[in-house]
Amino acid sequence: MSRIGKQPIPISDGVSFDVTDKNHVTVKGPKGQLGLDVDPDLSVEVQDGEIVVTRPTEQKRHKALHGLTRSLIANMVEGVTAGYSKELDVIGVGYRADSKKMSGMDVLELALGFSHPIYFVPPDGVDIEAETVRGQNPRIKITGIDKQLVGQVAAKIRALRPPEPYKGKGVRYTDEYVRRKAGKTAAR
């Protein structure tokens, strides 16, 4: 049996959990609400204040969906209670990040060495803050309740100018290590 799939998910205080007859799971908490359509073969139930996901057979497909579904529901429960966040650092001379309001929307303005500024509009459910402390690199903080969406937005921003291995310039995760290469040396 799946080691991840068989673990029950504890429901913390302030979280309400609901499963419809069509296997649509809804989790509501202090930070918001998330929903997930679960495969009709799997069953999701509440037993003794914990969410339990069970599978009908030992088929490979059911085994794969068992652990996946349990992880997705656990991420939803954690998201509506604590939320998720990712931090990015903007490293390079002249590289800037700034949070602005444009046309009533929050927009992230980035100067990443191109001939034009880049304006990034975050999707609904994701908040982006850019802070610049004098003498330090600009830092972008991405927060939200949906783990997948927060990670996807962070990856999109990083993809605008990934860190390069020679000088280390670009947008990187705060805890990311960029392996540096030696540059060319002059011939004697």
C-alpha atoms as a PDB file:
ATOM      1  CA  MET A   1       0.000   0.000   0.000  1.00  0.00           C
ATOM      2  CA  SER A   2       1.119   3.545  -0.642  1.00  0.00           C
ATOM      3  CA  ARG A   3       3.058   4.905   2.306  1.00  0.00           C
ATOM      4  CA  ILE A   4       1.958   8.456   1.580  1.00  0.00           C
ATOM      5  CA  GLY A   5      -1.601   7.591   0.554  1.00  0.00           C
ATOM      6  CA  LYS A   6      -2.438   5.659   3.709  1.00  0.00           C
ATOM      7  CA  GLN A   7      -1.449   8.486   6.078  1.00  0.00           C
ATOM      8  CA  PRO A   8      -4.493  10.359   7.431  1.00  0.00           C
ATOM      9  CA  ILE A   9      -4.635  14.152   7.065  1.00  0.00           C
ATOM     10  CA  PRO A  10      -5.351  15.943  10.353  1.00  0.00           C
ATOM     11  CA  ILE A  11      -7.979  18.679  10.134  1.00  0.00           C
ATOM     12  CA  SER A  12      -6.853  21.715  12.128  1.00  0.00           C
ATOM     13  CA  ASP A  13      -9.172  24.109  13.959  1.00  0.00           C
ATOM     14  CA  GLY A  14     -11.076  26.543  11.765  1.00  0.00           C
ATOM     15  CA  VAL A  15     -10.977  24.266   8.707  1.00  0.00           C
ATOM     16  CA  SER A  16     -14.152  22.821   7.227  1.00  0.00           C
ATOM     17  CA  PHE A  17     -14.010  19.909   4.799  1.00  0.00           C
ATOM     18  CA  ASP A  18     -16.733  18.789   2.392  1.00  0.00           C
ATOM     19  CA  VAL A  19     -16.984  16.014  -0.230  1.00  0.00           C
ATOM     20  CA  THR A  20     -19.861  16.003  -2.736  1.00  0.00           C
ATOM     21  CA  ASP A  21     -21.380  12.892  -4.316  1.00  0.00           C
ATOM     22  CA  LYS A  22     -19.358  13.564  -7.497  1.00  0.00           C
ATOM     23  CA  ASN A  23     -16.090  13.423  -5.482  1.00  0.00           C
ATOM     24  CA  HIS A  24     -15.473  17.175  -5.458  1.00  0.00           C
ATOM     25  CA  VAL A  25     -13.481  18.087  -2.356  1.00  0.00           C
ATOM     26  CA  THR A  26     -13.832  21.591  -0.854  1.00  0.00           C
ATOM     27  CA  VAL A  27     -11.600  22.870   1.941  1.00  0.00           C
ATOM     28  CA  LYS A  28     -12.430  26.178   3.667  1.00  0.00           C
ATOM     29  CA  GLY A  29     -10.182  27.879   6.172  1.00  0.00           C
ATOM     30  CA  PRO A  30      -9.219  31.257   7.606  1.00  0.00           C
ATOM     31  CA  LYS A  31      -7.213  32.230   4.489  1.00  0.00           C
ATOM     32  CA  GLY A  32      -9.730  31.137   1.846  1.00  0.00           C
ATOM     33  CA  GLN A  33     -11.278  28.220   0.006  1.00  0.00           C
ATOM     34  CA  LEU A  34      -9.841  25.609  -2.383  1.00  0.00           C
ATOM     35  CA  GLY A  35     -11.491  22.850  -4.411  1.00  0.00           C
ATOM     36  CA  LEU A  36     -10.335  19.657  -6.117  1.00  0.00           C
ATOM     37  CA  ASP A  37     -12.029  17.083  -8.346  1.00  0.00           C
ATOM     38  CA  VAL A  38     -10.958  13.645  -7.124  1.00  0.00           C
ATOM     39  CA  ASP A  39     -10.964  10.578  -9.376  1.00  0.00           C
ATOM     40  CA  PRO A  40     -14.330   8.776  -8.990  1.00  0.00           C
ATOM     41  CA  ASP A  41     -12.600   5.443  -8.181  1.00  0.00           C
ATOM     42  CA  LEU A  42     -11.040   6.806  -4.978  1.00  0.00           C
ATOM     43  CA  SER A  43     -13.025   7.493  -1.837  1.00  0.00           C
ATOM     44  CA  VAL A  44     -12.372  10.423   0.498  1.00  0.00           C
ATOM     45  CA  GLU A  45     -13.925  10.320   3.980  1.00  0.00           C
ATOM     46  CA  VAL A  46     -13.630  11.960   7.376  1.00  0.00           C
ATOM     47  CA  GLN A  47     -12.891   9.497  10.187  1.00  0.00           C
ATOM     48  CA  ASP A  48     -12.170  10.586  13.779  1.00  0.00           C
ATOM     49  CA  GLY A  49     -11.452  14.184  12.745  1.00  0.00           C
ATOM     50  CA  GLU A  50      -8.989  13.159  10.029  1.00  0.00           C
ATOM     51  CA  ILE A  51      -9.310  12.909   6.246  1.00  0.00           C
ATOM     52  CA  VAL A  52      -8.667   9.413   4.882  1.00  0.00           C
ATOM     53  CA  VAL A  53      -8.173   8.567   1.186  1.00  0.00           C
ATOM     54  CA  THR A  54      -8.709   4.926   0.145  1.00  0.00           C
ATOM     55  CA  ARG A  55      -8.372   3.108  -3.167  1.00  0.00           C
ATOM     56  CA  PRO A  56     -10.480   0.191  -4.422  1.00  0.00           C
ATOM     57  CA  THR A  57      -7.790  -2.070  -5.981  1.00  0.00           C
ATOM     58  CA  GLU A  58      -4.052  -2.579  -6.273  1.00  0.00           C
ATOM     59  CA  GLN A  59      -3.931  -1.461  -9.942  1.00  0.00           C
ATOM     60  CA  LYS A  60      -0.955   0.687 -10.880  1.00  0.00           C
ATOM     61  CA  ARG A  61      -3.250   3.584 -11.801  1.00  0.00           C
ATOM     62  CA  HIS A  62      -5.053   3.461  -8.445  1.00  0.00           C
ATOM     63  CA  LYS A  63      -1.752   3.287  -6.555  1.00  0.00           C
ATOM     64  CA  ALA A  64      -0.466   6.370  -8.368  1.00  0.00           C
ATOM     65  CA  LEU A  65      -3.677   8.349  -7.785  1.00  0.00           C
ATOM     66  CA  HIS A  66      -3.842   7.319  -4.109  1.00  0.00           C
ATOM     67  CA  GLY A  67      -0.649   9.091  -3.015  1.00  0.00           C
ATOM     68  CA  LEU A  68      -1.194  12.021  -5.376  1.00  0.00           C
ATOM     69  CA  THR A  69      -4.717  12.724  -4.128  1.00  0.00           C
ATOM     70  CA  ARG A  70      -3.680  12.518  -0.482  1.00  0.00           C
ATOM     71  CA  SER A  71      -0.790  14.964  -1.095  1.00  0.00           C
ATOM     72  CA  LEU A  72      -3.007  17.420  -2.980  1.00  0.00           C
ATOM     73  CA  ILE A  73      -5.622  17.436  -0.203  1.00  0.00           C
ATOM     74  CA  ALA A  74      -2.925  17.835   2.480  1.00  0.00           C
ATOM     75  CA  ASN A  75      -1.513  20.815   0.532  1.00  0.00           C
ATOM     76  CA  MET A  76      -5.002  22.345   0.367  1.00  0.00           C
ATOM     77  CA  VAL A  77      -5.481  21.998   4.140  1.00  0.00           C
ATOM     78  CA  GLU A  78      -2.088  23.576   4.825  1.00  0.00           C
ATOM     79  CA  GLY A  79      -2.726  26.333   2.265  1.00  0.00           C
ATOM     80  CA  VAL A  80      -6.009  27.518   3.787  1.00  0.00           C
ATOM     81  CA  THR A  81      -4.509  27.552   7.292  1.00  0.00           C
ATOM     82  CA  ALA A  82      -0.910  28.791   6.879  1.00  0.00           C
ATOM     83  CA  GLY A  83      -0.527  29.635   3.186  1.00  0.00           C
ATOM     84  CA  TYR A  84       2.561  29.269   1.004  1.00  0.00           C
ATOM     85  CA  SER A  85       5.317  31.676   0.026  1.00  0.00           C
ATOM     86  CA  LYS A  86       8.389  31.768  -2.208  1.00  0.00           C
ATOM     87  CA  GLU A  87      11.147  34.374  -2.283  1.00  0.00           C
ATOM     88  CA  LEU A  88      13.249  35.434  -5.253  1.00  0.00           C
ATOM     89  CA  ASP A  89      16.389  37.582  -5.332  1.00  0.00           C
ATOM     90  CA  VAL A  90      17.160  39.913  -8.242  1.00  0.00           C
ATOM     91  CA  ILE A  91      20.940  40.033  -8.646  1.00  0.00           C
ATOM     92  CA  GLY A  92      22.788  42.292 -11.089  1.00  0.00           C
ATOM     93  CA  VAL A  93      23.921  45.875 -11.561  1.00  0.00           C
ATOM     94  CA  GLY A  94      20.913  47.959 -12.600  1.00  0.00           C
ATOM     95  CA  TYR A  95      18.454  45.133 -12.029  1.00  0.00           C
ATOM     96  CA  ARG A  96      15.392  46.355 -10.116  1.00  0.00           C
ATOM     97  CA  ALA A  97      12.048  45.087  -8.881  1.00  0.00           C
ATOM     98  CA  ASP A  98       9.171  47.307  -7.780  1.00  0.00           C
ATOM     99  CA  SER A  99       5.530  46.751  -6.818  1.00  0.00           C
ATOM    100  CA  LYS A 100       3.141  49.257  -8.429  1.00  0.00           C
ATOM    101  CA  LYS A 101      -0.568  49.870  -8.847  1.00  0.00           C
ATOM    102  CA  MET A 102      -1.561  50.276 -12.499  1.00  0.00           C
ATOM    103  CA  SER A 103      -5.201  50.555 -13.590  1.00  0.00           C
ATOM    104  CA  GLY A 104      -6.326  49.348 -10.166  1.00  0.00           C
ATOM    105  CA  MET A 105      -4.180  46.176 -10.312  1.00  0.00           C
ATOM    106  CA  ASP A 106      -1.037  45.265  -8.449  1.00  0.00           C
ATOM    107  CA  VAL A 107       1.787  44.926 -10.964  1.00  0.00           C
ATOM    108  CA  LEU A 108       5.407  43.857 -10.547  1.00  0.00           C
ATOM    109  CA  GLU A 109       7.766  46.068 -12.579  1.00  0.00           C
ATOM    110  CA  LEU A 110      11.119  44.476 -13.353  1.00  0.00           C
ATOM    111  CA  ALA A 111      14.245  45.996 -14.933  1.00  0.00           C
ATOM    112  CA  LEU A 112      16.380  43.004 -15.929  1.00  0.00           C
ATOM    113  CA  GLY A 113      18.892  44.415 -18.387  1.00  0.00           C
ATOM    114  CA  PHE A 114      16.557  44.516 -21.373  1.00  0.00           C
ATOM    115  CA  SER A 115      15.826  47.675 -23.348  1.00  0.00           C
ATOM    116  CA  HIS A 116      12.364  47.841 -21.784  1.00  0.00           C
ATOM    117  CA  PRO A 117      10.818  47.224 -18.355  1.00  0.00           C
ATOM    118  CA  ILE A 118       8.837  44.028 -17.820  1.00  0.00           C
ATOM    119  CA  TYR A 119       5.401  44.284 -16.188  1.00  0.00           C
ATOM    120  CA  PHE A 120       4.178  41.087 -14.533  1.00  0.00           C
ATOM    121  CA  VAL A 121       0.513  40.879 -13.488  1.00  0.00           C
ATOM    122  CA  PRO A 122      -0.028  38.135 -10.886  1.00  0.00           C
ATOM    123  CA  PRO A 123      -3.060  35.840 -11.238  1.00  0.00           C
ATOM    124  CA  ASP A 124      -5.951  35.932  -8.772  1.00  0.00           C
ATOM    125  CA  GLY A 125      -5.091  34.356  -5.443  1.00  0.00           C
ATOM    126  CA  VAL A 126      -1.413  35.347  -5.534  1.00  0.00           C
ATOM    127  CA  ASP A 127       0.130  38.431  -3.919  1.00  0.00           C
ATOM    128  CA  ILE A 128       3.521  39.775  -4.963  1.00  0.00           C
ATOM    129  CA  GLU A 129       5.634  42.201  -2.923  1.00  0.00           C
ATOM    130  CA  ALA A 130       8.962  43.653  -3.967  1.00  0.00           C
ATOM    131  CA  GLU A 131      11.218  45.166  -1.344  1.00  0.00           C
ATOM    132  CA  THR A 132      14.557  46.847  -1.828  1.00  0.00           C
ATOM    133  CA  VAL A 133      16.832  47.496   1.117  1.00  0.00           C
ATOM    134  CA  ARG A 134      19.646  49.924   0.447  1.00  0.00           C
ATOM    135  CA  GLY A 135      22.876  48.046  -0.128  1.00  0.00           C
ATOM    136  CA  GLN A 136      21.113  44.708  -0.763  1.00  0.00           C
ATOM    137  CA  ASN A 137      19.617  42.996  -3.786  1.00  0.00           C
ATOM    138  CA  PRO A 138      15.883  43.470  -4.434  1.00  0.00           C
ATOM    139  CA  ARG A 139      13.763  40.628  -3.047  1.00  0.00           C
ATOM    140  CA  ILE A 140      10.414  39.491  -4.435  1.00  0.00           C
ATOM    141  CA  LYS A 141       8.007  37.681  -2.081  1.00  0.00           C
ATOM    142  CA  ILE A 142       5.181  35.633  -3.605  1.00  0.00           C
ATOM    143  CA  THR A 143       2.380  34.450  -1.301  1.00  0.00           C
ATOM    144  CA  GLY A 144      -0.892  32.577  -1.763  1.00  0.00           C
ATOM    145  CA  ILE A 145      -2.962  29.613  -0.587  1.00  0.00           C
ATOM    146  CA  ASP A 146      -2.503  27.387  -3.667  1.00  0.00           C
ATOM    147  CA  LYS A 147       0.931  25.704  -3.543  1.00  0.00           C
ATOM    148  CA  GLN A 148       0.974  24.896  -7.263  1.00  0.00           C
ATOM    149  CA  LEU A 149       0.020  28.426  -8.304  1.00  0.00           C
ATOM    150  CA  VAL A 150       2.616  30.073  -6.030  1.00  0.00           C
ATOM    151  CA  GLY A 151       5.338  27.807  -7.431  1.00  0.00           C
ATOM    152  CA  GLN A 152       4.245  28.419 -11.011  1.00  0.00           C
ATOM    153  CA  VAL A 153       4.289  32.220 -10.613  1.00  0.00           C
ATOM    154  CA  ALA A 154       7.754  32.044  -9.019  1.00  0.00           C
ATOM    155  CA  ALA A 155       9.012  29.890 -11.888  1.00  0.00           C
ATOM    156  CA  LYS A 156       7.582  32.295 -14.495  1.00  0.00           C
ATOM    157  CA  ILE A 157       9.293  35.291 -12.881  1.00  0.00           C
ATOM    158  CA  ARG A 158      12.583  33.382 -12.617  1.00  0.00           C
ATOM    159  CA  ALA A 159      12.317  32.372 -16.292  1.00  0.00           C
ATOM    160  CA  LEU A 160      12.314  36.047 -17.339  1.00  0.00           C
ATOM    161  CA  ARG A 161      16.076  36.187 -16.579  1.00  0.00           C
ATOM    162  CA  PRO A 162      17.468  32.924 -15.150  1.00  0.00           C
ATOM    163  CA  PRO A 163      20.788  33.204 -13.294  1.00  0.00           C
ATOM    164  CA  GLU A 164      23.806  32.864 -15.572  1.00  0.00           C
ATOM    165  CA  PRO A 165      26.879  30.890 -14.422  1.00  0.00           C
ATOM    166  CA  TYR A 166      29.644  33.454 -15.096  1.00  0.00           C
ATOM    167  CA  LYS A 167      28.668  36.480 -13.019  1.00  0.00           C
ATOM    168  CA  GLY A 168      25.602  35.029 -11.274  1.00  0.00           C
ATOM    169  CA  LYS A 169      23.314  37.777 -12.596  1.00  0.00           C
ATOM    170  CA  GLY A 170      19.601  37.112 -12.925  1.00  0.00           C
ATOM    171  CA  VAL A 171      16.559  36.155 -10.884  1.00  0.00           C
ATOM    172  CA  ARG A 172      17.016  33.220  -8.503  1.00  0.00           C
ATOM    173  CA  TYR A 173      15.270  31.618  -5.567  1.00  0.00           C
ATOM    174  CA  THR A 174      16.608  32.914  -2.241  1.00  0.00           C
ATOM    175  CA  ASP A 175      17.876  29.481  -1.229  1.00  0.00           C
ATOM    176  CA  GLU A 176      19.131  28.528  -4.722  1.00  0.00           C
ATOM    177  CA  TYR A 177      22.818  27.845  -5.287  1.00  0.00           C
ATOM    178  CA  VAL A 178      24.181  28.920  -8.689  1.00  0.00           C
ATOM    179  CA  ARG A 179      27.288  27.029  -9.680  1.00  0.00           C
ATOM    180  CA  ARG A 180      29.824  29.478 -11.055  1.00  0.00           C
ATOM    181  CA  LYS A 181      32.121  28.880 -14.026  1.00  0.00           C
ATOM    182  CA  ALA A 182      35.537  30.365 -14.615  1.00  0.00           C
ATOM    183  CA  GLY A 183      35.683  32.832 -17.477  1.00  0.00           C
ATOM    184  CA  LYS A 184      38.160  32.838 -20.341  1.00  0.00           C
ATOM    185  CA  THR A 185      41.774  33.611 -19.572  1.00  0.00           C
ATOM    186  CA  ALA A 186      43.990  35.667 -21.876  1.00  0.00           C
ATOM    187  CA  ALA A 187      46.524  33.774 -24.006  1.00  0.00           C
ATOM    188  CA  ARG A 188      50.159  34.554 -23.169  1.00  0.00           C
END
